[in-house]
Structures are given as C-alpha cells and as structure tokens.
PDB file of all heavy atoms in Angstrom:
ATOM      1  N   SER A   1      53.913-107.087 -60.656  1.00  0.00           N
ATOM      2  CA  SER A   1      55.205-106.597 -61.157  1.00  0.00           C
ATOM      3  C   SER A   1      56.341-107.474 -60.653  1.00  0.00           C
ATOM      4  O   SER A   1      56.203-108.171 -59.639  1.00  0.00           O
ATOM      5  CB  SER A   1      55.445-105.151 -60.720  1.00  0.00           C
ATOM      6  OG  SER A   1      55.704-105.083 -59.322  1.00  0.00           O
ATOM      7  N   SER A   2      57.466-107.408 -61.352  1.00  0.00           N
ATOM      8  CA  SER A   2      58.624-108.207 -60.939  1.00  0.00           C
ATOM      9  C   SER A   2      59.191-107.692 -59.619  1.00  0.00           C
ATOM     10  O   SER A   2      59.709-108.467 -58.817  1.00  0.00           O
ATOM     11  CB  SER A   2      59.695-108.190 -62.029  1.00  0.00           C
ATOM     12  OG  SER A   2      60.171-106.867 -62.243  1.00  0.00           O
ATOM     13  N   SER A   3      59.096-106.385 -59.386  1.00  0.00           N
ATOM     14  CA  SER A   3      59.603-105.825 -58.127  1.00  0.00           C
ATOM     15  C   SER A   3      58.829-106.365 -56.936  1.00  0.00           C
ATOM     16  O   SER A   3      59.408-106.705 -55.886  1.00  0.00           O
ATOM     17  CB  SER A   3      59.515-104.296 -58.151  1.00  0.00           C
ATOM     18  OG  SER A   3      60.384-103.761 -59.112  1.00  0.00           O
ATOM     19  N   ALA A   4      57.497-106.462 -57.062  1.00  0.00           N
ATOM     20  CA  ALA A   4      56.689-107.013 -55.978  1.00  0.00           C
ATOM     21  C   ALA A   4      56.985-108.501 -55.791  1.00  0.00           C
ATOM     22  O   ALA A   4      57.074-108.997 -54.661  1.00  0.00           O
ATOM     23  CB  ALA A   4      55.206-106.797 -56.274  1.00  0.00           C
ATOM     24  N   LEU A   5      57.174-109.223 -56.908  1.00  0.00           N
ATOM     25  CA  LEU A   5      57.462-110.652 -56.821  1.00  0.00           C
ATOM     26  C   LEU A   5      58.843-110.917 -56.234  1.00  0.00           C
ATOM     27  O   LEU A   5      59.090-111.982 -55.663  1.00  0.00           O
ATOM     28  CB  LEU A   5      57.372-111.281 -58.218  1.00  0.00           C
ATOM     29  CG  LEU A   5      56.049-111.968 -58.563  1.00  0.00           C
ATOM     30  CD1 LEU A   5      56.047-112.417 -60.015  1.00  0.00           C
ATOM     31  CD2 LEU A   5      55.808-113.159 -57.654  1.00  0.00           C
ATOM     32  N   ALA A   6      59.762-109.961 -56.392  1.00  0.00           N
ATOM     33  CA  ALA A   6      61.112-110.143 -55.851  1.00  0.00           C
ATOM     34  C   ALA A   6      61.088-110.355 -54.347  1.00  0.00           C
ATOM     35  O   ALA A   6      61.953-111.029 -53.788  1.00  0.00           O
ATOM     36  CB  ALA A   6      61.988-108.929 -56.200  1.00  0.00           C
ATOM     37  N   HIS A   7      60.087-109.774 -53.658  1.00  0.00           N
ATOM     38  CA  HIS A   7      59.974-109.973 -52.215  1.00  0.00           C
ATOM     39  C   HIS A   7      59.634-111.424 -51.887  1.00  0.00           C
ATOM     40  O   HIS A   7      59.990-111.932 -50.820  1.00  0.00           O
ATOM     41  CB  HIS A   7      58.897-109.049 -51.636  1.00  0.00           C
ATOM     42  CG  HIS A   7      59.224-107.595 -51.729  1.00  0.00           C
ATOM     43  ND1 HIS A   7      60.355-107.056 -51.152  1.00  0.00           N
ATOM     44  CD2 HIS A   7      58.587-106.567 -52.349  1.00  0.00           C
ATOM     45  CE1 HIS A   7      60.396-105.752 -51.405  1.00  0.00           C
ATOM     46  NE2 HIS A   7      59.344-105.433 -52.123  1.00  0.00           N
ATOM     47  N   ALA A   8      58.902-112.081 -52.796  1.00  0.00           N
ATOM     48  CA  ALA A   8      58.520-113.474 -52.562  1.00  0.00           C
ATOM     49  C   ALA A   8      59.634-114.423 -52.948  1.00  0.00           C
ATOM     50  O   ALA A   8      59.603-115.605 -52.601  1.00  0.00           O
ATOM     51  CB  ALA A   8      57.262-113.808 -53.370  1.00  0.00           C
ATOM     52  N   TYR A   9      60.628-113.881 -53.648  1.00  0.00           N
ATOM     53  CA  TYR A   9      61.648-114.744 -54.195  1.00  0.00           C
ATOM     54  C   TYR A   9      62.856-114.877 -53.289  1.00  0.00           C
ATOM     55  O   TYR A   9      63.151-114.005 -52.513  1.00  0.00           O
ATOM     56  CB  TYR A   9      62.084-114.207 -55.566  1.00  0.00           C
ATOM     57  CG  TYR A   9      62.514-115.338 -56.426  1.00  0.00           C
ATOM     58  CD1 TYR A   9      61.595-116.274 -56.849  1.00  0.00           C
ATOM     59  CD2 TYR A   9      63.843-115.520 -56.744  1.00  0.00           C
ATOM     60  CE1 TYR A   9      61.989-117.342 -57.595  1.00  0.00           C
ATOM     61  CE2 TYR A   9      64.232-116.583 -57.496  1.00  0.00           C
ATOM     62  CZ  TYR A   9      63.306-117.502 -57.926  1.00  0.00           C
ATOM     63  OH  TYR A   9      63.701-118.572 -58.653  1.00  0.00           O
ATOM     64  N   GLY A  10      63.552-115.950 -53.395  1.00  0.00           N
ATOM     65  CA  GLY A  10      64.813-116.140 -52.674  1.00  0.00           C
ATOM     66  C   GLY A  10      64.709-117.041 -51.477  1.00  0.00           C
ATOM     67  O   GLY A  10      65.629-117.812 -51.189  1.00  0.00           O
ATOM     68  N   LEU A  11      63.596-116.962 -50.725  1.00  0.00           N
ATOM     69  CA  LEU A  11      63.479-117.746 -49.496  1.00  0.00           C
ATOM     70  C   LEU A  11      63.496-119.244 -49.801  1.00  0.00           C
ATOM     71  O   LEU A  11      64.153-120.029 -49.106  1.00  0.00           O
ATOM     72  CB  LEU A  11      62.191-117.371 -48.758  1.00  0.00           C
ATOM     73  CG  LEU A  11      62.099-117.829 -47.300  1.00  0.00           C
ATOM     74  CD1 LEU A  11      63.265-117.281 -46.492  1.00  0.00           C
ATOM     75  CD2 LEU A  11      60.781-117.378 -46.687  1.00  0.00           C
ATOM     76  N   ALA A  12      62.769-119.650 -50.851  1.00  0.00           N
ATOM     77  CA  ALA A  12      62.737-121.066 -51.210  1.00  0.00           C
ATOM     78  C   ALA A  12      64.112-121.545 -51.667  1.00  0.00           C
ATOM     79  O   ALA A  12      64.544-122.655 -51.339  1.00  0.00           O
ATOM     80  CB  ALA A  12      61.698-121.306 -52.309  1.00  0.00           C
ATOM     81  N   VAL A  13      64.819-120.685 -52.420  1.00  0.00           N
ATOM     82  CA  VAL A  13      66.137-121.069 -52.930  1.00  0.00           C
ATOM     83  C   VAL A  13      67.135-121.221 -51.788  1.00  0.00           C
ATOM     84  O   VAL A  13      67.889-122.193 -51.726  1.00  0.00           O
ATOM     85  CB  VAL A  13      66.651-120.023 -53.943  1.00  0.00           C
ATOM     86  CG1 VAL A  13      67.862-120.549 -54.678  1.00  0.00           C
ATOM     87  CG2 VAL A  13      65.563-119.654 -54.921  1.00  0.00           C
ATOM     88  N   THR A  14      67.145-120.252 -50.871  1.00  0.00           N
ATOM     89  CA  THR A  14      68.082-120.342 -49.745  1.00  0.00           C
ATOM     90  C   THR A  14      67.753-121.553 -48.879  1.00  0.00           C
ATOM     91  O   THR A  14      68.658-122.232 -48.383  1.00  0.00           O
ATOM     92  CB  THR A  14      68.026-119.068 -48.881  1.00  0.00           C
ATOM     93  OG1 THR A  14      66.667-118.767 -48.555  1.00  0.00           O
ATOM     94  CG2 THR A  14      68.628-117.894 -49.599  1.00  0.00           C
ATOM     95  N   GLY A  15      66.456-121.833 -48.700  1.00  0.00           N
ATOM     96  CA  GLY A  15      66.064-123.016 -47.932  1.00  0.00           C
ATOM     97  C   GLY A  15      66.586-124.284 -48.562  1.00  0.00           C
ATOM     98  O   GLY A  15      67.107-125.178 -47.880  1.00  0.00           O
ATOM     99  N   THR A  16      66.488-124.381 -49.883  1.00  0.00           N
ATOM    100  CA  THR A  16      66.995-125.557 -50.587  1.00  0.00           C
ATOM    101  C   THR A  16      68.509-125.662 -50.465  1.00  0.00           C
ATOM    102  O   THR A  16      69.059-126.757 -50.324  1.00  0.00           O
ATOM    103  CB  THR A  16      66.597-125.497 -52.073  1.00  0.00           C
ATOM    104  OG1 THR A  16      65.177-125.411 -52.163  1.00  0.00           O
ATOM    105  CG2 THR A  16      67.057-126.736 -52.813  1.00  0.00           C
ATOM    106  N   MET A  17      69.188-124.520 -50.515  1.00  0.00           N
ATOM    107  CA  MET A  17      70.650-124.548 -50.390  1.00  0.00           C
ATOM    108  C   MET A  17      71.077-125.000 -48.997  1.00  0.00           C
ATOM    109  O   MET A  17      72.083-125.707 -48.840  1.00  0.00           O
ATOM    110  CB  MET A  17      71.233-123.166 -50.713  1.00  0.00           C
ATOM    111  CG  MET A  17      71.193-122.825 -52.184  1.00  0.00           C
ATOM    112  SD  MET A  17      72.073-121.285 -52.547  1.00  0.00           S
ATOM    113  CE  MET A  17      71.962-121.273 -54.346  1.00  0.00           C
ATOM    114  N   VAL A  18      70.328-124.602 -47.976  1.00  0.00           N
ATOM    115  CA  VAL A  18      70.624-125.068 -46.614  1.00  0.00           C
ATOM    116  C   VAL A  18      70.437-126.582 -46.524  1.00  0.00           C
ATOM    117  O   VAL A  18      71.266-127.305 -45.957  1.00  0.00           O
ATOM    118  CB  VAL A  18      69.723-124.347 -45.582  1.00  0.00           C
ATOM    119  CG1 VAL A  18      69.839-125.011 -44.211  1.00  0.00           C
ATOM    120  CG2 VAL A  18      70.116-122.881 -45.477  1.00  0.00           C
ATOM    121  N   VAL A  19      69.338-127.074 -47.114  1.00  0.00           N
ATOM    122  CA  VAL A  19      69.081-128.522 -47.137  1.00  0.00           C
ATOM    123  C   VAL A  19      70.209-129.247 -47.869  1.00  0.00           C
ATOM    124  O   VAL A  19      70.703-130.285 -47.416  1.00  0.00           O
ATOM    125  CB  VAL A  19      67.724-128.810 -47.809  1.00  0.00           C
ATOM    126  CG1 VAL A  19      67.573-130.307 -48.105  1.00  0.00           C
ATOM    127  CG2 VAL A  19      66.579-128.349 -46.923  1.00  0.00           C
ATOM    128  N   THR A  20      70.642-128.689 -49.002  1.00  0.00           N
ATOM    129  CA  THR A  20      71.736-129.286 -49.771  1.00  0.00           C
ATOM    130  C   THR A  20      73.009-129.374 -48.943  1.00  0.00           C
ATOM    131  O   THR A  20      73.700-130.400 -48.937  1.00  0.00           O
ATOM    132  CB  THR A  20      72.001-128.470 -51.055  1.00  0.00           C
ATOM    133  OG1 THR A  20      70.838-128.494 -51.877  1.00  0.00           O
ATOM    134  CG2 THR A  20      73.180-129.035 -51.833  1.00  0.00           C
ATOM    135  N   ALA A  21      73.331-128.302 -48.219  1.00  0.00           N
ATOM    136  CA  ALA A  21      74.547-128.287 -47.403  1.00  0.00           C
ATOM    137  C   ALA A  21      74.480-129.337 -46.289  1.00  0.00           C
ATOM    138  O   ALA A  21      75.465-130.040 -46.028  1.00  0.00           O
ATOM    139  CB  ALA A  21      74.754-126.895 -46.807  1.00  0.00           C
ATOM    140  N   ILE A  22      73.319-129.459 -45.646  1.00  0.00           N
ATOM    141  CA  ILE A  22      73.174-130.431 -44.549  1.00  0.00           C
ATOM    142  C   ILE A  22      73.315-131.859 -45.079  1.00  0.00           C
ATOM    143  O   ILE A  22      74.039-132.691 -44.501  1.00  0.00           O
ATOM    144  CB  ILE A  22      71.821-130.247 -43.833  1.00  0.00           C
ATOM    145  CG1 ILE A  22      71.781-128.896 -43.125  1.00  0.00           C
ATOM    146  CG2 ILE A  22      71.599-131.374 -42.814  1.00  0.00           C
ATOM    147  CD1 ILE A  22      70.418-128.547 -42.547  1.00  0.00           C
ATOM    148  N   MET A  23      72.636-132.156 -46.195  1.00  0.00           N
ATOM    149  CA  MET A  23      72.721-133.519 -46.735  1.00  0.00           C
ATOM    150  C   MET A  23      74.103-133.793 -47.339  1.00  0.00           C
ATOM    151  O   MET A  23      74.578-134.930 -47.314  1.00  0.00           O
ATOM    152  CB  MET A  23      71.612-133.753 -47.759  1.00  0.00           C
ATOM    153  CG  MET A  23      70.231-133.879 -47.123  1.00  0.00           C
ATOM    154  SD  MET A  23      69.021-134.729 -48.153  1.00  0.00           S
ATOM    155  CE  MET A  23      68.808-133.520 -49.449  1.00  0.00           C
ATOM    156  N   ALA A  24      74.743-132.746 -47.862  1.00  0.00           N
ATOM    157  CA  ALA A  24      76.110-132.914 -48.365  1.00  0.00           C
ATOM    158  C   ALA A  24      77.047-133.296 -47.218  1.00  0.00           C
ATOM    159  O   ALA A  24      77.969-134.109 -47.400  1.00  0.00           O
ATOM    160  CB  ALA A  24      76.595-131.632 -49.042  1.00  0.00           C
ATOM    161  N   PHE A  25      76.804-132.736 -46.033  1.00  0.00           N
ATOM    162  CA  PHE A  25      77.604-133.104 -44.863  1.00  0.00           C
ATOM    163  C   PHE A  25      77.465-134.594 -44.553  1.00  0.00           C
ATOM    164  O   PHE A  25      78.455-135.282 -44.290  1.00  0.00           O
ATOM    165  CB  PHE A  25      77.174-132.272 -43.652  1.00  0.00           C
ATOM    166  CG  PHE A  25      77.723-132.783 -42.343  1.00  0.00           C
ATOM    167  CD1 PHE A  25      79.054-132.595 -42.011  1.00  0.00           C
ATOM    168  CD2 PHE A  25      76.904-133.479 -41.456  1.00  0.00           C
ATOM    169  CE1 PHE A  25      79.568-133.082 -40.821  1.00  0.00           C
ATOM    170  CE2 PHE A  25      77.406-133.970 -40.265  1.00  0.00           C
ATOM    171  CZ  PHE A  25      78.740-133.773 -39.948  1.00  0.00           C
ATOM    172  N   VAL A  26      76.230-135.105 -44.605  1.00  0.00           N
ATOM    173  CA  VAL A  26      76.000-136.532 -44.342  1.00  0.00           C
ATOM    174  C   VAL A  26      76.722-137.392 -45.377  1.00  0.00           C
ATOM    175  O   VAL A  26      77.369-138.397 -45.037  1.00  0.00           O
ATOM    176  CB  VAL A  26      74.488-136.844 -44.345  1.00  0.00           C
ATOM    177  CG1 VAL A  26      74.254-138.347 -44.183  1.00  0.00           C
ATOM    178  CG2 VAL A  26      73.774-136.084 -43.240  1.00  0.00           C
ATOM    179  N   VAL A  27      76.629-136.983 -46.655  1.00  0.00           N
ATOM    180  CA  VAL A  27      77.267-137.740 -47.726  1.00  0.00           C
ATOM    181  C   VAL A  27      78.790-137.729 -47.571  1.00  0.00           C
ATOM    182  O   VAL A  27      79.451-138.763 -47.692  1.00  0.00           O
ATOM    183  CB  VAL A  27      76.854-137.178 -49.106  1.00  0.00           C
ATOM    184  CG1 VAL A  27      77.687-137.787 -50.228  1.00  0.00           C
ATOM    185  CG2 VAL A  27      75.374-137.432 -49.353  1.00  0.00           C
ATOM    186  N   VAL A  28      79.337-136.549 -47.286  1.00  0.00           N
ATOM    187  CA  VAL A  28      80.790-136.423 -47.137  1.00  0.00           C
ATOM    188  C   VAL A  28      81.292-137.246 -45.955  1.00  0.00           C
ATOM    189  O   VAL A  28      82.316-137.939 -46.034  1.00  0.00           O
ATOM    190  CB  VAL A  28      81.180-134.936 -46.961  1.00  0.00           C
ATOM    191  CG1 VAL A  28      82.616-134.808 -46.502  1.00  0.00           C
ATOM    192  CG2 VAL A  28      80.986-134.185 -48.272  1.00  0.00           C
TER     193      VAL A  28
END
C-alpha cells in the first residue's frame, strides 16, 4: 500500500537535499 511505502519515502530525498546544500556551499 502507499501508506506502508510512505514510511520508506523521504529519507533519500532529504539526504540528497543535504548533499545539494553542502555542495552548493562549496560552489558559492
């Protein structure tokens, strides 16, 4: 079900956003 999958979701996205912020700092 989508409700069960929702628990698996989000962690990868937030991890990527953290990586983006760190590398954006280097670029800036």
